């Protein structure tokens, strides 16, 4: 696969990505990935190699956006 075959920023929910390929695909740094992992992104390991399932990333993004949206509170007197 050449670099032109890879759609920058696109994660397929049915694909399994190595950590290196995942970071390259999204254009994110090691520290950004570490922060996502601390916040709940699931990473699976096999033979000391880390993998991220595309559907886990999508679920992480959706759940993060739900938790970061602030609902207006009603004020009662």
N, C-alpha and C. Protein backbone atom coordinates (compact mmCIF):
# COMPACT_ATOMS: atom_id res chain seq x y z
N UNK A 1 0.85 -1.17 0.00
CA UNK A 1 0.00 0.00 0.00
C UNK A 1 0.90 1.24 0.00
N UNK A 2 0.61 2.18 -0.84
CA UNK A 2 1.36 3.43 -0.87
C UNK A 2 0.66 4.45 0.00
N UNK A 3 1.36 5.54 0.30
CA UNK A 3 0.77 6.57 1.14
C UNK A 3 -0.42 7.24 0.48
N UNK A 4 -0.49 7.18 -0.84
CA UNK A 4 -1.64 7.78 -1.51
C UNK A 4 -2.89 6.91 -1.35
N UNK A 5 -2.71 5.62 -0.99
CA UNK A 5 -3.85 4.73 -0.78
C UNK A 5 -4.51 4.95 0.58
N UNK A 6 -3.82 5.61 1.48
CA UNK A 6 -4.32 5.81 2.84
C UNK A 6 -5.04 7.14 2.91
N UNK A 7 -6.31 7.07 3.31
CA UNK A 7 -7.10 8.30 3.45
C UNK A 7 -6.78 8.92 4.81
N UNK A 8 -6.09 10.03 4.80
CA UNK A 8 -5.70 10.72 6.03
C UNK A 8 -6.93 11.07 6.85
N UNK A 9 -6.93 10.65 8.11
CA UNK A 9 -8.01 11.00 9.01
C UNK A 9 -9.22 10.09 8.96
N UNK A 10 -9.22 9.08 8.09
CA UNK A 10 -10.37 8.19 7.96
C UNK A 10 -10.07 6.88 8.69
N UNK A 11 -10.97 6.51 9.60
CA UNK A 11 -10.85 5.25 10.33
C UNK A 11 -12.04 4.38 9.97
N UNK A 12 -11.76 3.18 9.50
CA UNK A 12 -12.80 2.22 9.14
C UNK A 12 -13.16 1.42 10.38
N UNK A 13 -14.44 1.35 10.75
CA UNK A 13 -14.82 0.64 11.97
C UNK A 13 -14.51 -0.85 11.95
N UNK A 14 -14.30 -1.43 10.78
CA UNK A 14 -14.06 -2.87 10.67
C UNK A 14 -12.60 -3.22 10.48
N UNK A 15 -11.70 -2.25 10.66
CA UNK A 15 -10.27 -2.51 10.48
C UNK A 15 -9.55 -2.44 11.82
N UNK A 16 -8.48 -3.22 11.91
CA UNK A 16 -7.62 -3.24 13.07
C UNK A 16 -6.33 -2.53 12.70
N UNK A 17 -5.92 -1.56 13.51
CA UNK A 17 -4.75 -0.73 13.21
C UNK A 17 -3.66 -0.95 14.23
N UNK A 18 -2.41 -1.03 13.79
CA UNK A 18 -1.30 -0.99 14.74
C UNK A 18 -1.27 0.43 15.31
N UNK A 19 -0.64 0.59 16.45
CA UNK A 19 -0.57 1.93 17.04
C UNK A 19 0.14 2.91 16.10
N UNK A 20 1.19 2.46 15.45
CA UNK A 20 1.93 3.32 14.53
C UNK A 20 1.05 3.73 13.34
N UNK A 21 0.35 2.77 12.74
CA UNK A 21 -0.52 3.07 11.60
C UNK A 21 -1.67 3.98 12.02
N UNK A 22 -2.19 3.74 13.22
CA UNK A 22 -3.31 4.54 13.73
C UNK A 22 -2.89 6.01 13.89
N UNK A 23 -1.74 6.23 14.52
CA UNK A 23 -1.25 7.60 14.71
C UNK A 23 -0.97 8.27 13.38
N UNK A 24 -0.38 7.53 12.45
CA UNK A 24 -0.09 8.09 11.13
C UNK A 24 -1.38 8.43 10.39
N UNK A 25 -2.36 7.54 10.45
CA UNK A 25 -3.64 7.74 9.76
C UNK A 25 -4.34 9.01 10.26
N UNK A 26 -4.33 9.20 11.59
CA UNK A 26 -5.01 10.37 12.15
C UNK A 26 -4.12 11.61 12.25
N UNK A 27 -2.83 11.41 12.11
CA UNK A 27 -1.91 12.53 12.23
C UNK A 27 -1.80 13.03 13.66
N UNK A 28 -1.84 12.09 14.63
CA UNK A 28 -1.77 12.47 16.04
C UNK A 28 -0.42 12.08 16.63
N UNK A 29 -0.07 12.72 17.73
CA UNK A 29 1.21 12.47 18.39
C UNK A 29 1.08 11.37 19.43
N UNK A 30 2.23 10.94 19.94
CA UNK A 30 2.24 9.95 21.02
C UNK A 30 1.48 10.46 22.23
N UNK A 31 1.67 11.73 22.58
CA UNK A 31 1.01 12.28 23.77
C UNK A 31 -0.51 12.34 23.59
N UNK A 32 -0.98 12.61 22.39
CA UNK A 32 -2.42 12.62 22.14
C UNK A 32 -2.99 11.23 22.30
N UNK A 33 -2.29 10.23 21.79
CA UNK A 33 -2.76 8.86 21.93
C UNK A 33 -2.73 8.42 23.40
N UNK A 34 -1.69 8.80 24.13
CA UNK A 34 -1.63 8.47 25.57
C UNK A 34 -2.80 9.07 26.32
N UNK A 35 -3.13 10.32 26.01
CA UNK A 35 -4.26 10.98 26.67
C UNK A 35 -5.57 10.26 26.35
N UNK A 36 -5.74 9.84 25.11
CA UNK A 36 -6.96 9.12 24.73
C UNK A 36 -7.04 7.78 25.45
N UNK A 37 -5.91 7.11 25.60
CA UNK A 37 -5.90 5.83 26.31
C UNK A 37 -6.25 6.03 27.78
N UNK A 38 -5.71 7.06 28.40
CA UNK A 38 -6.04 7.36 29.80
C UNK A 38 -7.52 7.70 29.95
N UNK A 39 -8.10 8.27 28.91
CA UNK A 39 -9.51 8.68 28.95
C UNK A 39 -10.45 7.55 28.56
N UNK A 40 -9.90 6.36 28.23
CA UNK A 40 -10.77 5.22 27.98
C UNK A 40 -10.68 4.54 26.64
N UNK A 41 -9.82 5.01 25.73
CA UNK A 41 -9.67 4.34 24.44
C UNK A 41 -9.09 2.94 24.67
N UNK A 42 -9.74 1.93 24.13
CA UNK A 42 -9.31 0.55 24.30
C UNK A 42 -8.19 0.21 23.32
N UNK A 43 -7.11 -0.36 23.86
CA UNK A 43 -5.99 -0.84 23.05
C UNK A 43 -5.78 -2.30 23.41
N UNK A 44 -5.69 -3.16 22.40
CA UNK A 44 -5.47 -4.59 22.61
C UNK A 44 -4.03 -4.93 22.24
N UNK A 45 -3.44 -5.85 22.99
CA UNK A 45 -2.06 -6.24 22.73
C UNK A 45 -1.97 -7.71 22.37
N UNK A 46 -1.09 -7.99 21.43
CA UNK A 46 -0.77 -9.36 21.04
C UNK A 46 0.72 -9.39 20.73
N UNK A 47 1.46 -10.22 21.46
CA UNK A 47 2.90 -10.34 21.27
C UNK A 47 3.61 -8.99 21.34
N UNK A 48 3.26 -8.21 22.35
CA UNK A 48 3.87 -6.90 22.63
C UNK A 48 3.56 -5.84 21.57
N UNK A 49 2.64 -6.11 20.68
CA UNK A 49 2.23 -5.14 19.66
C UNK A 49 0.84 -4.65 19.98
N UNK A 50 0.65 -3.32 20.02
CA UNK A 50 -0.65 -2.74 20.33
C UNK A 50 -1.49 -2.53 19.09
N UNK A 51 -2.80 -2.74 19.25
CA UNK A 51 -3.75 -2.58 18.15
C UNK A 51 -4.98 -1.82 18.63
N UNK A 52 -5.55 -1.04 17.73
CA UNK A 52 -6.80 -0.34 18.00
C UNK A 52 -7.80 -0.74 16.93
N UNK A 53 -8.96 -1.18 17.35
CA UNK A 53 -10.04 -1.51 16.43
C UNK A 53 -10.75 -0.21 16.07
N UNK A 54 -11.00 -0.02 14.79
CA UNK A 54 -11.63 1.22 14.33
C UNK A 54 -12.93 1.53 15.05
N UNK A 55 -13.75 0.52 15.32
CA UNK A 55 -15.02 0.76 16.01
C UNK A 55 -14.80 1.23 17.45
N UNK A 56 -13.69 0.80 18.08
CA UNK A 56 -13.38 1.29 19.43
C UNK A 56 -13.06 2.78 19.40
N UNK A 57 -12.33 3.22 18.37
CA UNK A 57 -12.01 4.64 18.23
C UNK A 57 -13.30 5.45 18.02
N UNK A 58 -14.16 4.98 17.14
CA UNK A 58 -15.40 5.69 16.85
C UNK A 58 -16.26 5.79 18.10
N UNK A 59 -16.36 4.71 18.86
CA UNK A 59 -17.13 4.71 20.11
C UNK A 59 -16.51 5.68 21.11
N UNK A 60 -15.19 5.69 21.20
CA UNK A 60 -14.49 6.61 22.11
C UNK A 60 -14.80 8.07 21.74
N UNK A 61 -14.72 8.40 20.46
CA UNK A 61 -14.99 9.77 20.02
C UNK A 61 -16.44 10.16 20.32
N UNK A 62 -17.37 9.27 20.02
CA UNK A 62 -18.78 9.57 20.25
C UNK A 62 -19.08 9.72 21.74
N UNK A 63 -18.53 8.85 22.56
CA UNK A 63 -18.80 8.95 24.00
C UNK A 63 -18.10 10.17 24.59
N UNK A 64 -16.94 10.54 24.07
CA UNK A 64 -16.25 11.74 24.55
C UNK A 64 -17.02 12.99 24.20
N UNK A 65 -17.60 13.02 23.01
CA UNK A 65 -18.35 14.21 22.61
C UNK A 65 -19.64 14.32 23.41
N UNK A 66 -20.24 13.19 23.76
CA UNK A 66 -21.45 13.22 24.60
C UNK A 66 -21.13 13.72 25.99
N UNK A 67 -20.01 13.29 26.55
CA UNK A 67 -19.67 13.68 27.92
C UNK A 67 -19.16 15.11 27.99
N UNK A 68 -18.65 15.65 26.88
CA UNK A 68 -18.14 17.01 26.90
C UNK A 68 -19.21 18.05 26.59
N UNK A 69 -20.35 17.61 26.06
CA UNK A 69 -21.41 18.58 25.80
C UNK A 69 -22.10 18.91 27.11
N UNK A 70 -22.25 20.18 27.34
CA UNK A 70 -22.82 20.65 28.60
C UNK A 70 -24.30 20.94 28.40
N UNK A 71 -25.09 20.32 29.21
CA UNK A 71 -26.54 20.55 29.16
C UNK A 71 -26.85 21.80 30.01
N UNK A 72 -27.70 22.67 29.52
CA UNK A 72 -28.05 23.83 30.32
C UNK A 72 -28.83 23.39 31.57
N UNK A 73 -28.53 24.04 32.66
CA UNK A 73 -29.23 23.71 33.89
C UNK A 73 -30.33 24.74 34.12
N UNK A 74 -31.40 24.27 34.70
CA UNK A 74 -32.49 25.20 34.99
C UNK A 74 -32.28 25.78 36.37
N UNK A 75 -32.63 27.03 36.49
CA UNK A 75 -32.48 27.71 37.77
C UNK A 75 -33.87 27.83 38.39
N UNK A 76 -34.00 27.33 39.59
CA UNK A 76 -35.28 27.45 40.31
C UNK A 76 -35.09 28.39 41.48
N UNK A 77 -36.07 29.17 41.73
CA UNK A 77 -35.99 30.13 42.84
C UNK A 77 -36.91 29.75 43.94
